[in-house]
N, C-alpha and C. Protein backbone atom coordinates (compact mmCIF):
# COMPACT_ATOMS: atom_id res chain seq x y z
N MET A 1 -19.08 44.60 -2.63
CA MET A 1 -20.08 43.73 -3.23
C MET A 1 -19.43 42.50 -3.85
N ILE A 2 -18.30 42.66 -4.54
CA ILE A 2 -17.66 41.54 -5.23
C ILE A 2 -17.18 40.47 -4.25
N PRO A 3 -16.62 40.83 -3.05
CA PRO A 3 -16.19 39.77 -2.13
C PRO A 3 -17.35 38.90 -1.63
N LEU A 4 -18.57 39.37 -1.73
CA LEU A 4 -19.71 38.58 -1.27
C LEU A 4 -20.09 37.49 -2.28
N LEU A 5 -19.70 37.64 -3.54
CA LEU A 5 -20.07 36.63 -4.54
C LEU A 5 -19.42 35.27 -4.25
N PRO A 6 -18.12 35.18 -3.98
CA PRO A 6 -17.54 33.87 -3.65
C PRO A 6 -18.14 33.27 -2.38
N PHE A 7 -18.43 34.12 -1.39
CA PHE A 7 -19.05 33.64 -0.16
C PHE A 7 -20.42 33.06 -0.43
N ALA A 8 -21.22 33.75 -1.22
CA ALA A 8 -22.57 33.27 -1.55
C ALA A 8 -22.49 31.97 -2.35
N ALA A 9 -21.55 31.89 -3.28
CA ALA A 9 -21.38 30.67 -4.07
C ALA A 9 -20.99 29.51 -3.16
N GLY A 10 -20.14 29.74 -2.18
CA GLY A 10 -19.74 28.71 -1.23
C GLY A 10 -20.89 28.25 -0.37
N VAL A 11 -21.71 29.17 0.07
CA VAL A 11 -22.87 28.80 0.89
C VAL A 11 -23.84 27.96 0.09
N ILE A 12 -24.09 28.34 -1.13
CA ILE A 12 -25.02 27.59 -1.98
C ILE A 12 -24.46 26.20 -2.28
N THR A 13 -23.18 26.13 -2.61
CA THR A 13 -22.55 24.84 -2.89
C THR A 13 -22.60 23.94 -1.66
N GLY A 14 -22.33 24.48 -0.49
CA GLY A 14 -22.40 23.69 0.75
C GLY A 14 -23.79 23.18 1.02
N ALA A 15 -24.81 24.02 0.80
CA ALA A 15 -26.19 23.60 1.04
C ALA A 15 -26.58 22.47 0.09
N VAL A 16 -26.18 22.58 -1.16
CA VAL A 16 -26.49 21.53 -2.14
C VAL A 16 -25.77 20.23 -1.76
N ALA A 17 -24.53 20.33 -1.33
CA ALA A 17 -23.77 19.13 -0.95
C ALA A 17 -24.41 18.44 0.24
N VAL A 18 -24.85 19.19 1.22
CA VAL A 18 -25.50 18.60 2.40
C VAL A 18 -26.79 17.90 2.00
N ARG A 19 -27.56 18.51 1.12
CA ARG A 19 -28.81 17.87 0.68
C ARG A 19 -28.54 16.58 -0.07
N LEU A 20 -27.48 16.60 -0.91
CA LEU A 20 -27.14 15.38 -1.65
C LEU A 20 -26.70 14.25 -0.72
N LEU A 21 -25.94 14.60 0.32
CA LEU A 21 -25.45 13.58 1.24
C LEU A 21 -26.57 12.95 2.06
N LYS A 22 -27.69 13.63 2.17
CA LYS A 22 -28.80 13.10 2.95
C LYS A 22 -29.69 12.14 2.15
N THR A 23 -29.50 12.05 0.84
CA THR A 23 -30.36 11.17 0.05
C THR A 23 -29.89 9.72 0.17
N ASP A 24 -30.81 8.80 0.04
CA ASP A 24 -30.49 7.38 0.14
C ASP A 24 -29.60 6.91 -1.01
N ARG A 25 -29.84 7.45 -2.18
CA ARG A 25 -29.05 7.03 -3.34
C ARG A 25 -27.58 7.40 -3.15
N THR A 26 -27.32 8.59 -2.65
CA THR A 26 -25.94 9.02 -2.42
C THR A 26 -25.28 8.17 -1.34
N ARG A 27 -26.01 7.88 -0.28
CA ARG A 27 -25.47 7.04 0.78
C ARG A 27 -25.14 5.64 0.26
N LYS A 28 -26.02 5.11 -0.58
CA LYS A 28 -25.79 3.79 -1.16
C LYS A 28 -24.54 3.81 -2.04
N THR A 29 -24.39 4.84 -2.85
CA THR A 29 -23.23 4.97 -3.73
C THR A 29 -21.95 5.09 -2.91
N LEU A 30 -21.96 5.90 -1.85
CA LEU A 30 -20.79 6.05 -1.00
C LEU A 30 -20.45 4.74 -0.29
N HIS A 31 -21.48 4.00 0.12
CA HIS A 31 -21.26 2.71 0.77
C HIS A 31 -20.62 1.72 -0.21
N GLN A 32 -21.10 1.71 -1.44
CA GLN A 32 -20.53 0.82 -2.45
C GLN A 32 -19.08 1.19 -2.75
N ALA A 33 -18.79 2.47 -2.83
CA ALA A 33 -17.42 2.92 -3.07
C ALA A 33 -16.51 2.50 -1.92
N GLY A 34 -17.00 2.61 -0.71
CA GLY A 34 -16.23 2.17 0.45
C GLY A 34 -15.97 0.67 0.42
N ASP A 35 -16.97 -0.10 0.02
CA ASP A 35 -16.80 -1.55 -0.09
C ASP A 35 -15.75 -1.91 -1.14
N ARG A 36 -15.79 -1.24 -2.28
CA ARG A 36 -14.80 -1.51 -3.33
C ARG A 36 -13.40 -1.13 -2.87
N LEU A 37 -13.28 -0.02 -2.16
CA LEU A 37 -11.99 0.40 -1.64
C LEU A 37 -11.47 -0.60 -0.62
N ARG A 38 -12.35 -1.09 0.24
CA ARG A 38 -11.96 -2.09 1.24
C ARG A 38 -11.51 -3.38 0.56
N ASP A 39 -12.25 -3.82 -0.46
CA ASP A 39 -11.87 -5.04 -1.20
C ASP A 39 -10.51 -4.88 -1.88
N ALA A 40 -10.27 -3.72 -2.48
CA ALA A 40 -8.99 -3.48 -3.15
C ALA A 40 -7.86 -3.48 -2.13
N THR A 41 -8.09 -2.91 -0.96
CA THR A 41 -7.06 -2.88 0.08
C THR A 41 -6.74 -4.28 0.57
N VAL A 42 -7.77 -5.09 0.80
CA VAL A 42 -7.56 -6.46 1.25
C VAL A 42 -6.81 -7.25 0.19
N SER A 43 -7.18 -7.08 -1.06
CA SER A 43 -6.51 -7.77 -2.15
C SER A 43 -5.03 -7.38 -2.22
N SER A 44 -4.74 -6.11 -2.07
CA SER A 44 -3.35 -5.64 -2.09
C SER A 44 -2.55 -6.22 -0.93
N LEU A 45 -3.15 -6.24 0.25
CA LEU A 45 -2.47 -6.78 1.42
C LEU A 45 -2.20 -8.27 1.26
N GLU A 46 -3.15 -9.00 0.65
CA GLU A 46 -2.92 -10.43 0.40
C GLU A 46 -1.78 -10.63 -0.59
N GLY A 47 -1.70 -9.77 -1.59
CA GLY A 47 -0.60 -9.84 -2.55
C GLY A 47 0.74 -9.60 -1.88
N ILE A 48 0.79 -8.63 -0.98
CA ILE A 48 2.02 -8.34 -0.25
C ILE A 48 2.40 -9.53 0.62
N GLU A 49 1.41 -10.14 1.28
CA GLU A 49 1.69 -11.31 2.12
C GLU A 49 2.26 -12.45 1.28
N ASN A 50 1.67 -12.70 0.12
CA ASN A 50 2.15 -13.79 -0.74
C ASN A 50 3.57 -13.51 -1.23
N THR A 51 3.84 -12.28 -1.62
CA THR A 51 5.17 -11.93 -2.11
C THR A 51 6.22 -12.07 -1.01
N SER A 52 5.91 -11.61 0.18
CA SER A 52 6.89 -11.71 1.26
C SER A 52 7.07 -13.17 1.69
N ALA A 53 6.03 -14.00 1.60
CA ALA A 53 6.19 -15.42 1.92
C ALA A 53 7.11 -16.10 0.90
N ARG A 54 6.96 -15.76 -0.37
CA ARG A 54 7.85 -16.33 -1.40
C ARG A 54 9.29 -15.89 -1.15
N ALA A 55 9.49 -14.61 -0.83
CA ALA A 55 10.84 -14.11 -0.57
C ALA A 55 11.43 -14.80 0.66
N ARG A 56 10.62 -15.01 1.68
CA ARG A 56 11.08 -15.69 2.89
C ARG A 56 11.52 -17.12 2.57
N ARG A 57 10.75 -17.82 1.73
CA ARG A 57 11.11 -19.19 1.35
C ARG A 57 12.41 -19.20 0.56
N ARG A 58 12.58 -18.28 -0.38
CA ARG A 58 13.80 -18.22 -1.18
C ARG A 58 15.02 -17.94 -0.31
N LEU A 59 14.88 -17.00 0.60
CA LEU A 59 15.99 -16.67 1.49
C LEU A 59 16.32 -17.86 2.39
N GLY A 60 15.31 -18.57 2.84
CA GLY A 60 15.53 -19.74 3.67
C GLY A 60 16.26 -20.83 2.91
N ARG A 61 15.91 -21.03 1.63
CA ARG A 61 16.60 -22.04 0.83
C ARG A 61 18.05 -21.63 0.58
N ALA A 62 18.30 -20.36 0.33
CA ALA A 62 19.67 -19.89 0.10
C ALA A 62 20.51 -20.05 1.35
N GLU A 63 19.93 -19.74 2.48
CA GLU A 63 20.65 -19.88 3.74
C GLU A 63 20.92 -21.36 4.04
N ALA A 64 19.95 -22.22 3.75
CA ALA A 64 20.14 -23.65 3.97
C ALA A 64 21.21 -24.21 3.03
N ALA A 65 21.27 -23.72 1.81
CA ALA A 65 22.28 -24.18 0.86
C ALA A 65 23.68 -23.77 1.32
N LYS A 66 23.81 -22.55 1.84
CA LYS A 66 25.11 -22.10 2.36
C LYS A 66 25.51 -22.92 3.57
N ALA A 67 24.56 -23.24 4.42
CA ALA A 67 24.86 -24.03 5.61
C ALA A 67 25.28 -25.44 5.20
N ALA A 68 24.69 -25.97 4.16
CA ALA A 68 25.04 -27.31 3.69
C ALA A 68 26.45 -27.33 3.11
N ASP A 69 26.88 -26.22 2.52
CA ASP A 69 28.23 -26.13 1.96
C ASP A 69 29.28 -25.90 3.05
N GLY A 70 28.84 -25.63 4.26
CA GLY A 70 29.78 -25.39 5.35
C GLY A 70 30.16 -23.94 5.49
N ASP A 71 29.68 -23.08 4.63
CA ASP A 71 29.98 -21.66 4.72
C ASP A 71 28.88 -20.99 5.52
N SER A 72 29.26 -20.07 6.34
CA SER A 72 28.25 -19.28 7.03
C SER A 72 28.11 -17.95 6.31
N VAL A 73 27.05 -17.29 6.56
CA VAL A 73 26.81 -16.00 5.93
C VAL A 73 27.89 -15.01 6.36
N ILE A 74 28.33 -15.07 7.60
CA ILE A 74 29.35 -14.15 8.11
C ILE A 74 30.68 -14.42 7.42
N ASP A 75 31.07 -15.71 7.26
CA ASP A 75 32.32 -16.05 6.60
C ASP A 75 32.32 -15.61 5.15
N ALA A 76 31.19 -15.75 4.46
CA ALA A 76 31.11 -15.37 3.05
C ALA A 76 31.31 -13.87 2.90
N ASP A 77 30.77 -13.09 3.83
CA ASP A 77 30.94 -11.64 3.75
C ASP A 77 32.38 -11.25 4.08
N ALA A 78 33.04 -11.97 4.97
CA ALA A 78 34.40 -11.63 5.36
C ALA A 78 35.40 -11.93 4.25
N GLU A 79 35.09 -12.87 3.36
CA GLU A 79 36.02 -13.27 2.31
C GLU A 79 35.98 -12.34 1.10
N LYS A 80 35.04 -11.44 1.03
CA LYS A 80 34.95 -10.53 -0.10
C LYS A 80 36.10 -9.53 -0.05
N PRO A 81 36.77 -9.27 -1.18
CA PRO A 81 37.86 -8.29 -1.16
C PRO A 81 37.31 -6.88 -0.98
N ASP A 82 38.13 -6.05 -0.33
CA ASP A 82 37.70 -4.67 -0.07
C ASP A 82 37.81 -3.80 -1.30
N GLY A 83 38.81 -3.97 -2.09
CA GLY A 83 39.05 -3.11 -3.24
C GLY A 83 38.60 -3.78 -4.52
N PRO A 84 38.81 -3.09 -5.63
CA PRO A 84 38.44 -3.68 -6.94
C PRO A 84 39.39 -4.82 -7.29
N ALA A 85 38.88 -5.80 -7.99
CA ALA A 85 39.67 -6.96 -8.38
C ALA A 85 40.66 -6.56 -9.46
N SER A 86 41.91 -7.08 -9.37
CA SER A 86 42.93 -6.74 -10.36
C SER A 86 43.15 -7.88 -11.30
C-alpha cells in the first residue's frame, strides 16, 4: 500500500501540471520568460563581441608598434633568456 502513495502523488502532480500548461496565462508567462532569456542572451553576446573587438584592436596596435620598432614577434620571443636572470 505504501509504494502506491508516491505513485499517486506523481500522477496527481502531473495532471495538475498539464492543466496549468494548457491555460493562456501560463503560456503567456512562459512566452515572456523566453523573451527575457533571449534578450539576456543577445545582450551577453553583444558584450562578448565588443570585448573581443577591443582586444583585437589592442593586439593590433601592439603588433604595429613592434613592427615599427623593427622587432618581430618571433625575434622578441627568441631573445628571452631560458633561465632565471642573475
